[in-house]
Amino acid sequence: MFVLLSHKLSTATPVYARGPSLTLKPLKQISKGDSSNSYLIEIPNHLGTHVDAPRHFDPSGRSIADYGIESLTFKKPLLLNIPKQDSELIMAEDLERHEDKIIEADILLIKTGFQRFRSSDPQRYSMHNPGLSSNAASYVVKNFPNLRALGLDTISLSSVDHREDGRLSHKILLSGRDFFIIEDMDLSKLTESPKMVMVVPLFIEGIDSAPCVVIAEV
């Protein structure tokens, strides 16, 4: 059985820290006498469920279009429940207690539970999200060489209320290595670690990262 771990995109998709959103402009409309329906889509590349590639914070890093699908397929996923409230950070000690499991994983999915506000309180979800601390990012890089990706059910790995530390977390995870960060995931369907996870981005050349569809086998 397969489930989606990504959200649908719309003009109502929550936006990190009041950034730009998705806009749709009709190019053709049957209702107005045109032969077909078509749209111009304008979208920030870090909106909704998306995957950060190294180039996002490392100027010499690889862009998302430089990778093949084999690099974005993960056969040893691990789901961890680490509940966090508004603007709380995931710390190294939150991960240390699961070290024996993380060391075997190639992708770590962290379920904070903050996703529950995505629909009910999108302003809260967008402006007061939990994040990953820089000390946790350093702990990951130092201790888990097999880990190739990290995904969260928050709008960003970087908490809006701790942006400088969040930027540092990104740099630590993405610089000088092949690593991926998947943000704004839908982890509500998972109660245990899936069998496989596949991240399918828009392979657009010339951009660092891209919106993606995430599929899991459960």
Protein backbone atom coordinates (compact mmCIF):
# COMPACT_ATOMS: atom_id res chain seq x y z
CA MET A 1 0.00 0.00 0.00
CA PHE A 2 1.22 3.48 -0.88
CA VAL A 3 0.39 6.80 0.80
CA LEU A 4 1.22 10.40 0.01
CA LEU A 5 3.41 12.24 2.52
CA SER A 6 3.09 15.54 0.66
CA HIS A 7 0.40 18.22 0.70
CA LYS A 8 -1.56 19.43 -2.29
CA LEU A 9 -0.59 22.90 -3.47
CA SER A 10 -3.13 25.69 -3.67
CA THR A 11 -3.39 29.47 -3.39
CA ALA A 12 -4.18 28.84 0.30
CA THR A 13 -0.99 26.87 1.02
CA PRO A 14 0.61 28.25 4.22
CA VAL A 15 3.61 30.50 3.59
CA TYR A 16 6.75 30.65 5.74
CA ALA A 17 7.11 34.01 7.52
CA ARG A 18 4.77 35.94 5.20
CA GLY A 19 6.67 35.07 2.04
CA PRO A 20 5.16 34.92 -1.46
CA SER A 21 2.44 32.39 -2.23
CA LEU A 22 1.20 30.47 -5.25
CA THR A 23 -0.73 32.43 -7.87
CA LEU A 24 -2.79 31.14 -10.81
CA LYS A 25 -3.57 33.12 -13.93
CA PRO A 26 -5.99 31.68 -16.51
CA LEU A 27 -4.49 31.72 -20.01
CA LYS A 28 -7.44 30.04 -21.72
CA GLN A 29 -10.95 29.35 -20.42
CA ILE A 30 -13.63 27.30 -22.13
CA SER A 31 -16.21 29.35 -20.22
CA LYS A 32 -14.98 32.43 -22.11
CA GLY A 33 -15.08 30.80 -25.53
CA ASP A 34 -11.54 29.41 -25.69
CA SER A 35 -10.82 25.94 -27.06
CA SER A 36 -9.38 24.63 -23.81
CA ASN A 37 -8.42 25.47 -20.22
CA SER A 38 -4.84 26.37 -19.31
CA TYR A 39 -3.09 28.38 -16.60
CA LEU A 40 0.08 30.25 -15.84
CA ILE A 41 1.40 29.03 -12.48
CA GLU A 42 3.72 31.20 -10.40
CA ILE A 43 5.16 29.50 -7.35
CA PRO A 44 8.11 30.03 -4.98
CA ASN A 45 10.32 26.96 -5.08
CA HIS A 46 10.20 26.57 -1.28
CA LEU A 47 6.40 26.60 -0.95
CA GLY A 48 4.44 23.62 0.34
CA THR A 49 6.05 20.20 0.56
CA HIS A 50 9.46 20.72 -1.00
CA VAL A 51 12.95 19.28 -0.93
CA ASP A 52 16.02 21.38 -0.13
CA ALA A 53 19.11 20.28 -2.05
CA PRO A 54 22.68 21.29 -1.02
CA ARG A 55 22.74 24.32 -3.35
CA HIS A 56 20.11 25.95 -1.10
CA PHE A 57 22.86 26.91 1.38
CA ASP A 58 26.08 25.76 -0.28
CA PRO A 59 27.06 27.76 -3.41
CA SER A 60 29.21 24.86 -4.60
CA GLY A 61 26.60 22.23 -3.74
CA ARG A 62 24.46 20.31 -6.21
CA SER A 63 21.04 21.56 -7.29
CA ILE A 64 17.96 19.37 -7.18
CA ALA A 65 18.00 18.75 -10.95
CA ASP A 66 21.53 17.34 -10.64
CA TYR A 67 20.19 14.26 -8.85
CA GLY A 68 18.55 11.14 -10.23
CA ILE A 69 15.57 9.45 -8.67
CA GLU A 70 17.84 6.77 -7.19
CA SER A 71 19.35 9.43 -4.91
CA LEU A 72 15.87 10.35 -3.72
CA THR A 73 14.66 6.82 -2.97
CA PHE A 74 15.07 5.65 0.61
CA LYS A 75 14.76 2.03 1.69
CA LYS A 76 15.47 2.39 5.42
CA PRO A 77 13.10 5.11 6.66
CA LEU A 78 12.69 5.84 10.35
CA LEU A 79 9.72 7.70 11.84
CA LEU A 80 10.25 9.36 15.22
CA ASN A 81 7.57 11.02 17.31
CA ILE A 82 9.16 14.07 18.93
CA PRO A 83 6.26 16.33 20.04
CA LYS A 84 7.02 20.05 19.99
CA GLN A 85 4.97 23.15 20.69
CA ASP A 86 5.16 26.68 19.26
CA SER A 87 8.73 27.68 18.35
CA GLU A 88 10.29 24.80 20.31
CA LEU A 89 13.48 23.37 18.87
CA ILE A 90 14.41 19.74 18.38
CA MET A 91 17.61 19.33 20.34
CA ALA A 92 20.45 16.83 20.14
CA GLU A 93 19.21 15.14 23.31
CA ASP A 94 15.85 14.49 21.61
CA LEU A 95 17.72 12.40 19.05
CA GLU A 96 20.29 10.81 21.35
CA ARG A 97 17.72 8.51 22.96
CA HIS A 98 16.99 7.05 19.49
CA GLU A 99 20.62 6.78 18.37
CA ASP A 100 20.55 3.00 17.93
CA LYS A 101 17.66 3.31 15.46
CA ILE A 102 18.80 6.41 13.58
CA ILE A 103 22.20 4.89 12.83
CA GLU A 104 20.52 2.29 10.59
CA ALA A 105 18.27 4.75 8.73
CA ASP A 106 18.81 6.53 5.41
CA ILE A 107 15.96 9.01 5.94
CA LEU A 108 14.67 10.34 9.25
CA LEU A 109 11.06 11.55 9.46
CA ILE A 110 10.30 13.64 12.55
CA LYS A 111 6.68 13.93 13.57
CA THR A 112 6.30 16.92 15.89
CA GLY A 113 2.50 16.99 15.75
CA PHE A 114 2.55 20.67 14.81
CA GLN A 115 0.98 19.76 11.48
CA ARG A 116 -2.41 19.86 13.23
CA PHE A 117 -2.35 23.66 12.95
CA ARG A 118 -1.74 23.71 9.19
CA SER A 119 -5.46 23.87 8.41
CA SER A 120 -6.96 24.99 11.71
CA ASP A 121 -4.55 27.88 12.36
CA PRO A 122 -2.33 28.51 9.30
CA GLN A 123 -1.00 31.77 10.76
CA ARG A 124 0.30 29.90 13.80
CA TYR A 125 1.68 27.14 11.58
CA SER A 126 3.51 29.69 9.41
CA MET A 127 4.85 32.03 12.08
CA HIS A 128 5.54 29.95 15.21
CA ASN A 129 6.74 26.61 13.89
CA PRO A 130 9.08 24.27 15.74
CA GLY A 131 12.46 23.71 14.12
CA LEU A 132 15.70 21.78 14.29
CA SER A 133 18.44 23.32 16.43
CA SER A 134 21.97 23.73 15.14
CA ASN A 135 23.26 21.46 17.90
CA ALA A 136 20.90 18.73 16.67
CA ALA A 137 22.08 19.30 13.09
CA SER A 138 25.72 18.96 14.19
CA TYR A 139 24.84 15.80 16.10
CA VAL A 140 23.25 14.30 12.96
CA VAL A 141 26.24 15.08 10.73
CA LYS A 142 28.74 13.75 13.26
CA ASN A 143 27.00 10.52 14.18
CA PHE A 144 24.93 9.24 11.26
CA PRO A 145 26.93 8.80 8.03
CA ASN A 146 24.23 6.61 6.47
CA LEU A 147 21.54 9.27 6.86
CA ARG A 148 20.89 11.03 3.54
CA ALA A 149 17.71 12.99 4.28
CA LEU A 150 15.60 14.54 7.01
CA GLY A 151 11.89 15.30 6.76
CA LEU A 152 9.56 17.19 9.11
CA ASP A 153 5.85 17.95 9.50
CA THR A 154 6.60 21.66 10.03
CA ILE A 155 6.62 24.45 7.45
CA SER A 156 10.40 24.63 7.69
CA LEU A 157 13.34 23.12 9.52
CA SER A 158 14.06 26.73 10.51
CA SER A 159 11.78 28.08 13.23
CA VAL A 160 10.58 31.58 12.36
CA ASP A 161 11.33 32.67 15.92
CA HIS A 162 14.88 31.23 15.75
CA ARG A 163 15.80 32.07 12.16
CA GLU A 164 19.54 32.54 12.59
CA ASP A 165 19.89 29.18 14.33
CA GLY A 166 17.69 27.66 11.62
CA ARG A 167 19.91 29.02 8.87
CA LEU A 168 22.90 27.53 10.66
CA SER A 169 21.10 24.17 10.87
CA HIS A 170 20.52 24.24 7.12
CA LYS A 171 24.18 25.07 6.45
CA ILE A 172 25.43 22.29 8.71
CA LEU A 173 23.22 19.66 7.09
CA LEU A 174 23.62 20.74 3.46
CA SER A 175 27.19 22.02 3.11
CA GLY A 176 29.86 19.87 1.50
CA ARG A 177 27.70 16.74 1.25
CA ASP A 178 24.81 15.13 -0.58
CA PHE A 179 21.89 15.58 1.79
CA PHE A 180 18.21 16.52 1.47
CA ILE A 181 15.75 18.31 3.75
CA ILE A 182 12.03 17.76 3.09
CA GLU A 183 9.86 20.40 4.71
CA ASP A 184 6.10 20.81 5.21
CA MET A 185 5.45 17.06 4.98
CA ASP A 186 2.17 15.33 5.70
CA LEU A 187 3.11 12.72 8.30
CA SER A 188 -0.41 12.36 9.71
CA LYS A 189 -0.97 9.05 7.89
CA LEU A 190 2.04 7.38 9.50
CA THR A 191 1.89 5.55 12.82
CA GLU A 192 5.11 3.61 12.27
CA SER A 193 8.11 3.72 9.99
CA PRO A 194 7.23 3.07 6.33
CA LYS A 195 8.96 0.43 4.22
CA MET A 196 10.17 2.86 1.58
CA VAL A 197 10.04 6.57 0.80
CA MET A 198 10.43 8.16 -2.62
CA VAL A 199 10.80 11.92 -3.10
CA VAL A 200 9.85 13.11 -6.59
CA PRO A 201 10.70 16.79 -7.13
CA LEU A 202 10.10 19.05 -10.08
CA PHE A 203 13.42 18.60 -11.85
CA ILE A 204 13.80 22.22 -12.93
CA GLU A 205 17.30 23.21 -13.98
CA GLY A 206 18.66 26.47 -12.63
CA ILE A 207 17.03 26.39 -9.18
CA ASP A 208 18.44 25.11 -5.90
CA SER A 209 15.44 23.16 -4.60
CA ALA A 210 11.90 22.32 -5.67
CA PRO A 211 8.36 21.38 -4.66
CA CYS A 212 7.97 17.62 -4.53
CA VAL A 213 5.61 14.70 -4.23
CA VAL A 214 6.56 12.23 -1.50
CA ILE A 215 5.33 8.65 -1.73
CA ALA A 216 5.67 6.05 1.01
CA GLU A 217 5.11 2.30 0.99
CA VAL A 218 3.51 1.18 4.24
